[in-house]
């Protein structure tokens, strides 16, 4: 095993994290729109699809951490900092969206009694 990860490999990993968390963020915002339209099944489906994208991003992150744990030196690059920030923000946004979907649905049910 190489004892240092190349800059190119770090960038590829970072862009993979950004790609999948960006896809997830797009789905989350589509879920918000579905919630506003009382399309709760659609919203929940989109939030599940967002989670699948987050899991893909997280897999890249985990692979990087495993390399580090196995002794591979990783020079931190600003793009990786951005990728990590993007992923954590998207994960938090999804958690908020799940709670908001519940609240939208409760409000919808109460207003239609």
C-alpha atoms as a PDB file:
ATOM      1  CA  UNK A   1       0.000   0.000   0.000  1.00  0.00           C
ATOM      2  CA  UNK A   2       1.189   3.485  -0.850  1.00  0.00           C
ATOM      3  CA  UNK A   3       1.884   5.390   2.372  1.00  0.00           C
ATOM      4  CA  UNK A   4       0.529   8.671   0.972  1.00  0.00           C
ATOM      5  CA  UNK A   5      -2.658   9.339  -0.937  1.00  0.00           C
ATOM      6  CA  UNK A   6      -2.120  11.359  -4.112  1.00  0.00           C
ATOM      7  CA  UNK A   7      -3.601  14.807  -4.527  1.00  0.00           C
ATOM      8  CA  UNK A   8      -5.598  13.497  -7.480  1.00  0.00           C
ATOM      9  CA  UNK A   9      -7.106  10.674  -5.392  1.00  0.00           C
ATOM     10  CA  UNK A  10      -8.061  13.142  -2.661  1.00  0.00           C
ATOM     11  CA  UNK A  11      -9.704  15.410  -5.227  1.00  0.00           C
ATOM     12  CA  UNK A  12     -11.607  12.529  -6.811  1.00  0.00           C
ATOM     13  CA  UNK A  13     -12.871  11.445  -3.396  1.00  0.00           C
ATOM     14  CA  UNK A  14     -13.851  15.026  -2.540  1.00  0.00           C
ATOM     15  CA  UNK A  15     -15.724  15.522  -5.809  1.00  0.00           C
ATOM     16  CA  UNK A  16     -17.520  12.201  -5.310  1.00  0.00           C
ATOM     17  CA  UNK A  17     -18.680  13.373  -1.881  1.00  0.00           C
ATOM     18  CA  UNK A  18     -19.771  16.727  -3.331  1.00  0.00           C
ATOM     19  CA  UNK A  19     -21.587  15.053  -6.242  1.00  0.00           C
ATOM     20  CA  UNK A  20     -23.637  12.697  -4.100  1.00  0.00           C
ATOM     21  CA  UNK A  21     -24.383  15.205  -1.348  1.00  0.00           C
ATOM     22  CA  UNK A  22     -25.404  17.713  -4.035  1.00  0.00           C
ATOM     23  CA  UNK A  23     -27.752  15.144  -5.554  1.00  0.00           C
ATOM     24  CA  UNK A  24     -29.189  14.537  -2.091  1.00  0.00           C
ATOM     25  CA  UNK A  25     -29.662  18.260  -1.487  1.00  0.00           C
ATOM     26  CA  UNK A  26     -31.565  18.587  -4.776  1.00  0.00           C
ATOM     27  CA  UNK A  27     -33.877  15.748  -3.733  1.00  0.00           C
ATOM     28  CA  UNK A  28     -34.419  17.303  -0.303  1.00  0.00           C
ATOM     29  CA  UNK A  29     -35.463  20.603  -1.841  1.00  0.00           C
ATOM     30  CA  UNK A  30     -37.837  18.726  -4.164  1.00  0.00           C
ATOM     31  CA  UNK A  31     -39.240  17.029  -1.042  1.00  0.00           C
ATOM     32  CA  UNK A  32     -39.879  20.441   0.528  1.00  0.00           C
ATOM     33  CA  UNK A  33     -41.873  21.418  -2.565  1.00  0.00           C
ATOM     34  CA  UNK A  34     -43.854  18.163  -2.337  1.00  0.00           C
ATOM     35  CA  UNK A  35     -44.563  18.864   1.346  1.00  0.00           C
ATOM     36  CA  UNK A  36     -45.917  22.330   0.517  1.00  0.00           C
ATOM     37  CA  UNK A  37     -48.235  20.646  -2.003  1.00  0.00           C
ATOM     38  CA  UNK A  38     -49.352  18.030   0.549  1.00  0.00           C
ATOM     39  CA  UNK A  39     -47.718  15.257  -1.537  1.00  0.00           C
ATOM     40  CA  UNK A  40     -46.366  13.397   1.466  1.00  0.00           C
ATOM     41  CA  UNK A  41     -45.720  10.036  -0.182  1.00  0.00           C
ATOM     42  CA  UNK A  42     -43.648  11.813  -2.820  1.00  0.00           C
ATOM     43  CA  UNK A  43     -41.830  13.828  -0.158  1.00  0.00           C
ATOM     44  CA  UNK A  44     -40.975  10.698   1.819  1.00  0.00           C
ATOM     45  CA  UNK A  45     -39.797   8.913  -1.329  1.00  0.00           C
ATOM     46  CA  UNK A  46     -37.544  11.850  -2.204  1.00  0.00           C
ATOM     47  CA  UNK A  47     -36.132  11.909   1.321  1.00  0.00           C
ATOM     48  CA  UNK A  48     -35.364   8.190   1.028  1.00  0.00           C
ATOM     49  CA  UNK A  49     -33.652   8.774  -2.332  1.00  0.00           C
ATOM     50  CA  UNK A  50     -31.691  11.613  -0.718  1.00  0.00           C
ATOM     51  CA  UNK A  51     -30.571   9.196   1.973  1.00  0.00           C
ATOM     52  CA  UNK A  52     -29.301   6.771  -0.665  1.00  0.00           C
ATOM     53  CA  UNK A  53     -27.199   9.596  -2.156  1.00  0.00           C
ATOM     54  CA  UNK A  54     -25.924  10.529   1.309  1.00  0.00           C
ATOM     55  CA  UNK A  55     -24.931   6.899   1.878  1.00  0.00           C
ATOM     56  CA  UNK A  56     -22.917   6.964  -1.363  1.00  0.00           C
ATOM     57  CA  UNK A  57     -21.145  10.138  -0.235  1.00  0.00           C
ATOM     58  CA  UNK A  58     -20.585   8.640   3.189  1.00  0.00           C
ATOM     59  CA  UNK A  59     -19.046   5.527   1.614  1.00  0.00           C
ATOM     60  CA  UNK A  60     -16.403   7.700  -0.043  1.00  0.00           C
ATOM     61  CA  UNK A  61     -15.762   9.402   3.278  1.00  0.00           C
ATOM     62  CA  UNK A  62     -15.473   6.032   5.041  1.00  0.00           C
ATOM     63  CA  UNK A  63     -13.025   4.730   2.419  1.00  0.00           C
ATOM     64  CA  UNK A  64     -10.864   7.784   3.051  1.00  0.00           C
ATOM     65  CA  UNK A  65     -10.971   7.236   6.807  1.00  0.00           C
ATOM     66  CA  UNK A  66     -10.091   3.554   6.380  1.00  0.00           C
ATOM     67  CA  UNK A  67      -7.058   4.502   4.300  1.00  0.00           C
ATOM     68  CA  UNK A  68      -6.000   6.907   7.016  1.00  0.00           C
ATOM     69  CA  UNK A  69      -6.541   4.279   9.722  1.00  0.00           C
ATOM     70  CA  UNK A  70      -4.358   1.877   7.714  1.00  0.00           C
ATOM     71  CA  UNK A  71      -1.464   4.327   7.847  1.00  0.00           C
ATOM     72  CA  UNK A  72      -1.912   6.212   4.595  1.00  0.00           C
ATOM     73  CA  UNK A  73      -0.865   9.833   4.956  1.00  0.00           C
ATOM     74  CA  UNK A  74      -3.497  12.213   3.642  1.00  0.00           C
ATOM     75  CA  UNK A  75      -2.622  15.825   2.941  1.00  0.00           C
ATOM     76  CA  UNK A  76      -5.790  17.798   3.591  1.00  0.00           C
ATOM     77  CA  UNK A  77      -6.872  19.953   0.689  1.00  0.00           C
ATOM     78  CA  UNK A  78      -9.407  22.767   0.735  1.00  0.00           C
ATOM     79  CA  UNK A  79     -11.670  20.843  -1.653  1.00  0.00           C
ATOM     80  CA  UNK A  80     -11.917  18.042   0.923  1.00  0.00           C
ATOM     81  CA  UNK A  81     -12.832  20.552   3.631  1.00  0.00           C
ATOM     82  CA  UNK A  82     -15.558  21.849   1.322  1.00  0.00           C
ATOM     83  CA  UNK A  83     -16.757  18.308   0.578  1.00  0.00           C
ATOM     84  CA  UNK A  84     -16.988  17.412   4.261  1.00  0.00           C
ATOM     85  CA  UNK A  85     -18.859  20.639   4.996  1.00  0.00           C
ATOM     86  CA  UNK A  86     -21.233  19.983   2.105  1.00  0.00           C
ATOM     87  CA  UNK A  87     -21.973  16.453   3.294  1.00  0.00           C
ATOM     88  CA  UNK A  88     -22.553  17.360   6.941  1.00  0.00           C
ATOM     89  CA  UNK A  89     -24.822  20.264   5.974  1.00  0.00           C
ATOM     90  CA  UNK A  90     -26.854  18.035   3.666  1.00  0.00           C
ATOM     91  CA  UNK A  91     -27.199  15.359   6.336  1.00  0.00           C
ATOM     92  CA  UNK A  92     -28.503  17.967   8.778  1.00  0.00           C
ATOM     93  CA  UNK A  93     -30.863  19.400   6.157  1.00  0.00           C
ATOM     94  CA  UNK A  94     -32.333  15.922   5.592  1.00  0.00           C
ATOM     95  CA  UNK A  95     -32.928  15.453   9.326  1.00  0.00           C
ATOM     96  CA  UNK A  96     -34.745  18.800   9.464  1.00  0.00           C
ATOM     97  CA  UNK A  97     -36.748  17.880   6.351  1.00  0.00           C
ATOM     98  CA  UNK A  98     -37.912  14.622   7.923  1.00  0.00           C
ATOM     99  CA  UNK A  99     -39.198  16.526  10.940  1.00  0.00           C
ATOM    100  CA  UNK A 100     -40.810  19.180   8.752  1.00  0.00           C
ATOM    101  CA  UNK A 101     -42.561  16.514   6.675  1.00  0.00           C
ATOM    102  CA  UNK A 102     -44.077  15.141   9.860  1.00  0.00           C
ATOM    103  CA  UNK A 103     -45.207  18.630  10.884  1.00  0.00           C
ATOM    104  CA  UNK A 104     -46.612  19.460   7.446  1.00  0.00           C
ATOM    105  CA  UNK A 105     -48.552  16.209   7.468  1.00  0.00           C
ATOM    106  CA  UNK A 106     -49.920  16.817  10.987  1.00  0.00           C
ATOM    107  CA  UNK A 107     -50.921  20.341  10.035  1.00  0.00           C
ATOM    108  CA  UNK A 108     -52.588  19.085   6.861  1.00  0.00           C
ATOM    109  CA  UNK A 109     -54.539  16.464   8.810  1.00  0.00           C
ATOM    110  CA  UNK A 110     -55.679  18.971  11.425  1.00  0.00           C
ATOM    111  CA  UNK A 111     -56.742  21.542   8.849  1.00  0.00           C
ATOM    112  CA  UNK A 112     -58.790  18.932   6.932  1.00  0.00           C
ATOM    113  CA  UNK A 113     -60.789  17.527   9.840  1.00  0.00           C
END
